Amino acid sequence: DYERSLSANAASQKDLQENLISAK
């Protein structure tokens, strides 16, 4: 999802990053 979001939307990148941090 993060890889798809990098090319699709900068706003969704922040959400993905938060999800990634939560997952970490």
PDB file of all heavy atoms in Angstrom:
ATOM      1  N   ASP A   1       0.827  -1.209   0.000  1.00  0.00           N
ATOM      2  CA  ASP A   1       0.000   0.000   0.000  1.00  0.00           C
ATOM      3  C   ASP A   1       0.862   1.260   0.000  1.00  0.00           C
ATOM      4  O   ASP A   1       0.530   2.274  -0.648  1.00  0.00           O
ATOM      5  CB  ASP A   1      -0.917  -0.005   1.206  1.00  0.00           C
ATOM      6  CG  ASP A   1      -1.954  -1.105   1.122  1.00  0.00           C
ATOM      7  OD1 ASP A   1      -2.209  -1.596  -0.005  1.00  0.00           O
ATOM      8  OD2 ASP A   1      -2.490  -1.511   2.180  1.00  0.00           O
ATOM      9  N   TYR A   2       1.970   1.187   0.723  1.00  0.00           N
ATOM     10  CA  TYR A   2       2.852   2.352   0.812  1.00  0.00           C
ATOM     11  C   TYR A   2       3.485   2.653  -0.541  1.00  0.00           C
ATOM     12  O   TYR A   2       3.584   3.812  -0.956  1.00  0.00           O
ATOM     13  CB  TYR A   2       3.921   2.085   1.866  1.00  0.00           C
ATOM     14  CG  TYR A   2       4.899   3.217   2.035  1.00  0.00           C
ATOM     15  CD1 TYR A   2       4.508   4.418   2.635  1.00  0.00           C
ATOM     16  CD2 TYR A   2       6.205   3.085   1.570  1.00  0.00           C
ATOM     17  CE1 TYR A   2       5.406   5.442   2.795  1.00  0.00           C
ATOM     18  CE2 TYR A   2       7.110   4.117   1.726  1.00  0.00           C
ATOM     19  CZ  TYR A   2       6.715   5.298   2.346  1.00  0.00           C
ATOM     20  OH  TYR A   2       7.614   6.327   2.501  1.00  0.00           O
ATOM     21  N   GLU A   3       3.896   1.610  -1.230  1.00  0.00           N
ATOM     22  CA  GLU A   3       4.487   1.816  -2.545  1.00  0.00           C
ATOM     23  C   GLU A   3       3.483   2.392  -3.535  1.00  0.00           C
ATOM     24  O   GLU A   3       3.807   3.256  -4.361  1.00  0.00           O
ATOM     25  CB  GLU A   3       5.039   0.493  -3.068  1.00  0.00           C
ATOM     26  CG  GLU A   3       6.258   0.015  -2.305  1.00  0.00           C
ATOM     27  CD  GLU A   3       6.730  -1.338  -2.772  1.00  0.00           C
ATOM     28  OE1 GLU A   3       5.977  -1.980  -3.561  1.00  0.00           O
ATOM     29  OE2 GLU A   3       7.822  -1.785  -2.345  1.00  0.00           O
ATOM     30  N   ARG A   4       2.248   1.920  -3.430  1.00  0.00           N
ATOM     31  CA  ARG A   4       1.221   2.467  -4.338  1.00  0.00           C
ATOM     32  C   ARG A   4       0.883   3.916  -3.991  1.00  0.00           C
ATOM     33  O   ARG A   4       0.613   4.741  -4.864  1.00  0.00           O
ATOM     34  CB  ARG A   4      -0.034   1.603  -4.256  1.00  0.00           C
ATOM     35  CG  ARG A   4       0.108   0.247  -4.930  1.00  0.00           C
ATOM     36  CD  ARG A   4      -1.254  -0.417  -5.117  1.00  0.00           C
ATOM     37  NE  ARG A   4      -1.920  -0.626  -3.842  1.00  0.00           N
ATOM     38  CZ  ARG A   4      -1.819  -1.756  -3.148  1.00  0.00           C
ATOM     39  NH1 ARG A   4      -1.050  -2.751  -3.596  1.00  0.00           N
ATOM     40  NH2 ARG A   4      -2.461  -1.871  -2.017  1.00  0.00           N
ATOM     41  N   SER A   5       0.916   4.169  -2.688  1.00  0.00           N
ATOM     42  CA  SER A   5       0.545   5.525  -2.257  1.00  0.00           C
ATOM     43  C   SER A   5       1.617   6.555  -2.606  1.00  0.00           C
ATOM     44  O   SER A   5       1.311   7.753  -2.738  1.00  0.00           O
ATOM     45  CB  SER A   5       0.292   5.549  -0.754  1.00  0.00           C
ATOM     46  OG  SER A   5       1.498   5.269  -0.049  1.00  0.00           O
ATOM     47  N   LEU A   6       2.881   6.186  -2.766  1.00  0.00           N
ATOM     48  CA  LEU A   6       3.939   7.122  -3.118  1.00  0.00           C
ATOM     49  C   LEU A   6       3.692   7.757  -4.487  1.00  0.00           C
ATOM     50  O   LEU A   6       3.949   8.961  -4.685  1.00  0.00           O
ATOM     51  CB  LEU A   6       5.288   6.414  -3.118  1.00  0.00           C
ATOM     52  CG  LEU A   6       5.866   6.069  -1.741  1.00  0.00           C
ATOM     53  CD1 LEU A   6       7.159   5.288  -1.894  1.00  0.00           C
ATOM     54  CD2 LEU A   6       6.097   7.325  -0.907  1.00  0.00           C
ATOM     55  N   SER A   7       3.219   6.983  -5.418  1.00  0.00           N
ATOM     56  CA  SER A   7       2.950   7.484  -6.758  1.00  0.00           C
ATOM     57  C   SER A   7       1.548   8.039  -6.923  1.00  0.00           C
ATOM     58  O   SER A   7       1.269   8.736  -7.891  1.00  0.00           O
ATOM     59  CB  SER A   7       3.184   6.378  -7.784  1.00  0.00           C
ATOM     60  OG  SER A   7       2.328   5.283  -7.499  1.00  0.00           O
ATOM     61  N   ALA A   8       0.687   7.754  -5.988  1.00  0.00           N
ATOM     62  CA  ALA A   8      -0.707   8.175  -6.142  1.00  0.00           C
ATOM     63  C   ALA A   8      -1.008   9.475  -5.432  1.00  0.00           C
ATOM     64  O   ALA A   8      -1.568  10.399  -6.006  1.00  0.00           O
ATOM     65  CB  ALA A   8      -1.644   7.083  -5.647  1.00  0.00           C
ATOM     66  N   ASN A   9      -0.619   9.604  -4.188  1.00  0.00           N
ATOM     67  CA  ASN A   9      -1.111  10.742  -3.400  1.00  0.00           C
ATOM     68  C   ASN A   9      -0.119  11.044  -2.284  1.00  0.00           C
ATOM     69  O   ASN A   9       0.311  10.164  -1.556  1.00  0.00           O
ATOM     70  CB  ASN A   9      -2.472  10.379  -2.824  1.00  0.00           C
ATOM     71  CG  ASN A   9      -3.194  11.601  -2.265  1.00  0.00           C
ATOM     72  OD1 ASN A   9      -2.558  12.546  -1.814  1.00  0.00           O
ATOM     73  ND2 ASN A   9      -4.512  11.565  -2.304  1.00  0.00           N
ATOM     74  N   ALA A  10       0.285  12.275  -2.137  1.00  0.00           N
ATOM     75  CA  ALA A  10       1.222  12.670  -1.080  1.00  0.00           C
ATOM     76  C   ALA A  10       0.535  12.691   0.272  1.00  0.00           C
ATOM     77  O   ALA A  10       1.149  12.428   1.317  1.00  0.00           O
ATOM     78  CB  ALA A  10       1.805  14.056  -1.385  1.00  0.00           C
ATOM     79  N   ALA A  11      -0.780  12.995   0.258  1.00  0.00           N
ATOM     80  CA  ALA A  11      -1.511  13.039   1.534  1.00  0.00           C
ATOM     81  C   ALA A  11      -1.649  11.645   2.152  1.00  0.00           C
ATOM     82  O   ALA A  11      -1.544  11.463   3.379  1.00  0.00           O
ATOM     83  CB  ALA A  11      -2.906  13.651   1.321  1.00  0.00           C
ATOM     84  N   SER A  12      -1.868  10.667   1.291  1.00  0.00           N
ATOM     85  CA  SER A  12      -2.007   9.308   1.820  1.00  0.00           C
ATOM     86  C   SER A  12      -0.684   8.737   2.302  1.00  0.00           C
ATOM     87  O   SER A  12      -0.633   7.781   3.064  1.00  0.00           O
ATOM     88  CB  SER A  12      -2.622   8.393   0.762  1.00  0.00           C
ATOM     89  OG  SER A  12      -1.763   8.333  -0.363  1.00  0.00           O
ATOM     90  N   GLN A  13       0.430   9.404   1.823  1.00  0.00           N
ATOM     91  CA  GLN A  13       1.739   8.940   2.262  1.00  0.00           C
ATOM     92  C   GLN A  13       1.914   9.098   3.771  1.00  0.00           C
ATOM     93  O   GLN A  13       2.524   8.258   4.433  1.00  0.00           O
ATOM     94  CB  GLN A  13       2.822   9.708   1.506  1.00  0.00           C
ATOM     95  CG  GLN A  13       4.235   9.259   1.860  1.00  0.00           C
ATOM     96  CD  GLN A  13       5.282  10.018   1.082  1.00  0.00           C
ATOM     97  OE1 GLN A  13       4.958  10.883   0.258  1.00  0.00           O
ATOM     98  NE2 GLN A  13       6.551   9.686   1.338  1.00  0.00           N
ATOM     99  N   LYS A  14       1.397  10.178   4.289  1.00  0.00           N
ATOM    100  CA  LYS A  14       1.501  10.402   5.736  1.00  0.00           C
ATOM    101  C   LYS A  14       0.754   9.328   6.519  1.00  0.00           C
ATOM    102  O   LYS A  14       1.247   8.788   7.532  1.00  0.00           O
ATOM    103  CB  LYS A  14       0.957  11.785   6.083  1.00  0.00           C
ATOM    104  CG  LYS A  14       1.114  12.144   7.550  1.00  0.00           C
ATOM    105  CD  LYS A  14       0.614  13.546   7.800  1.00  0.00           C
ATOM    106  CE  LYS A  14       0.785  13.932   9.269  1.00  0.00           C
ATOM    107  NZ  LYS A  14       0.298  15.307   9.541  1.00  0.00           N
ATOM    108  N   ASP A  15      -0.448   8.985   6.037  1.00  0.00           N
ATOM    109  CA  ASP A  15      -1.210   7.930   6.717  1.00  0.00           C
ATOM    110  C   ASP A  15      -0.498   6.583   6.661  1.00  0.00           C
ATOM    111  O   ASP A  15      -0.456   5.817   7.645  1.00  0.00           O
ATOM    112  CB  ASP A  15      -2.597   7.804   6.090  1.00  0.00           C
ATOM    113  CG  ASP A  15      -3.436   9.064   6.284  1.00  0.00           C
ATOM    114  OD1 ASP A  15      -3.153   9.786   7.290  1.00  0.00           O
ATOM    115  OD2 ASP A  15      -4.332   9.308   5.487  1.00  0.00           O
ATOM    116  N   LEU A  16       0.052   6.327   5.499  1.00  0.00           N
ATOM    117  CA  LEU A  16       0.776   5.061   5.375  1.00  0.00           C
ATOM    118  C   LEU A  16       1.985   5.025   6.297  1.00  0.00           C
ATOM    119  O   LEU A  16       2.336   4.005   6.876  1.00  0.00           O
ATOM    120  CB  LEU A  16       1.202   4.840   3.919  1.00  0.00           C
ATOM    121  CG  LEU A  16       0.077   4.556   2.926  1.00  0.00           C
ATOM    122  CD1 LEU A  16       0.633   4.513   1.499  1.00  0.00           C
ATOM    123  CD2 LEU A  16      -0.612   3.243   3.261  1.00  0.00           C
ATOM    124  N   GLN A  17       2.651   6.212   6.407  1.00  0.00           N
ATOM    125  CA  GLN A  17       3.815   6.260   7.278  1.00  0.00           C
ATOM    126  C   GLN A  17       3.427   6.023   8.740  1.00  0.00           C
ATOM    127  O   GLN A  17       4.113   5.306   9.475  1.00  0.00           O
ATOM    128  CB  GLN A  17       4.496   7.621   7.124  1.00  0.00           C
ATOM    129  CG  GLN A  17       5.806   7.719   7.906  1.00  0.00           C
ATOM    130  CD  GLN A  17       6.507   9.038   7.651  1.00  0.00           C
ATOM    131  OE1 GLN A  17       6.009   9.896   6.927  1.00  0.00           O
ATOM    132  NE2 GLN A  17       7.684   9.194   8.235  1.00  0.00           N
ATOM    133  N   GLU A  18       2.286   6.610   9.142  1.00  0.00           N
ATOM    134  CA  GLU A  18       1.821   6.387  10.514  1.00  0.00           C
ATOM    135  C   GLU A  18       1.465   4.907  10.740  1.00  0.00           C
ATOM    136  O   GLU A  18       1.778   4.325  11.790  1.00  0.00           O
ATOM    137  CB  GLU A  18       0.610   7.270  10.792  1.00  0.00           C
ATOM    138  CG  GLU A  18       0.951   8.755  10.847  1.00  0.00           C
ATOM    139  CD  GLU A  18      -0.292   9.617  11.072  1.00  0.00           C
ATOM    140  OE1 GLU A  18      -1.419   9.034  11.040  1.00  0.00           O
ATOM    141  OE2 GLU A  18      -0.148  10.824  11.258  1.00  0.00           O
ATOM    142  N   ASN A  19       0.807   4.326   9.734  1.00  0.00           N
ATOM    143  CA  ASN A  19       0.485   2.896   9.869  1.00  0.00           C
ATOM    144  C   ASN A  19       1.748   2.039   9.951  1.00  0.00           C
ATOM    145  O   ASN A  19       1.813   1.052  10.693  1.00  0.00           O
ATOM    146  CB  ASN A  19      -0.367   2.431   8.681  1.00  0.00           C
ATOM    147  CG  ASN A  19      -1.761   3.050   8.700  1.00  0.00           C
ATOM    148  OD1 ASN A  19      -2.257   3.411   9.775  1.00  0.00           O
ATOM    149  ND2 ASN A  19      -2.383   3.199   7.537  1.00  0.00           N
ATOM    150  N   LEU A  20       2.750   2.508   9.155  1.00  0.00           N
ATOM    151  CA  LEU A  20       3.997   1.764   9.185  1.00  0.00           C
ATOM    152  C   LEU A  20       4.680   1.866  10.537  1.00  0.00           C
ATOM    153  O   LEU A  20       5.206   0.888  11.081  1.00  0.00           O
ATOM    154  CB  LEU A  20       4.912   2.278   8.074  1.00  0.00           C
ATOM    155  CG  LEU A  20       6.252   1.545   7.897  1.00  0.00           C
ATOM    156  CD1 LEU A  20       6.001   0.081   7.571  1.00  0.00           C
ATOM    157  CD2 LEU A  20       7.089   2.210   6.813  1.00  0.00           C
ATOM    158  N   ILE A  21       4.657   3.079  11.101  1.00  0.00           N
ATOM    159  CA  ILE A  21       5.260   3.275  12.427  1.00  0.00           C
ATOM    160  C   ILE A  21       4.500   2.462  13.474  1.00  0.00           C
ATOM    161  O   ILE A  21       5.102   1.820  14.354  1.00  0.00           O
ATOM    162  CB  ILE A  21       5.265   4.772  12.787  1.00  0.00           C
ATOM    163  CG1 ILE A  21       6.222   5.522  11.858  1.00  0.00           C
ATOM    164  CG2 ILE A  21       5.662   4.970  14.258  1.00  0.00           C
ATOM    165  CD1 ILE A  21       6.156   7.029  12.016  1.00  0.00           C
ATOM    166  N   SER A  22       3.184   2.464  13.374  1.00  0.00           N
ATOM    167  CA  SER A  22       2.380   1.673  14.321  1.00  0.00           C
ATOM    168  C   SER A  22       2.694   0.178  14.201  1.00  0.00           C
ATOM    169  O   SER A  22       2.805  -0.542  15.205  1.00  0.00           O
ATOM    170  CB  SER A  22       0.894   1.928  14.066  1.00  0.00           C
ATOM    171  OG  SER A  22       0.110   1.119  14.926  1.00  0.00           O
ATOM    172  N   ALA A  23       2.855  -0.221  12.941  1.00  0.00           N
ATOM    173  CA  ALA A  23       3.195  -1.629  12.743  1.00  0.00           C
ATOM    174  C   ALA A  23       4.557  -1.951  13.320  1.00  0.00           C
ATOM    175  O   ALA A  23       4.779  -3.022  13.898  1.00  0.00           O
ATOM    176  CB  ALA A  23       3.140  -1.970  11.255  1.00  0.00           C
ATOM    177  N   LYS A  24       5.508  -0.995  13.178  1.00  0.00           N
ATOM    178  CA  LYS A  24       6.830  -1.223  13.765  1.00  0.00           C
ATOM    179  C   LYS A  24       6.757  -1.309  15.281  1.00  0.00           C
ATOM    180  O   LYS A  24       7.420  -2.144  15.904  1.00  0.00           O
ATOM    181  CB  LYS A  24       7.780  -0.092  13.339  1.00  0.00           C
ATOM    182  CG  LYS A  24       8.161  -0.140  11.866  1.00  0.00           C
ATOM    183  CD  LYS A  24       9.015   1.064  11.470  1.00  0.00           C
ATOM    184  CE  LYS A  24      10.345   1.017  12.189  1.00  0.00           C
ATOM    185  NZ  LYS A  24      11.216   2.157  11.813  1.00  0.00           N
TER     186      LYS A  24
END
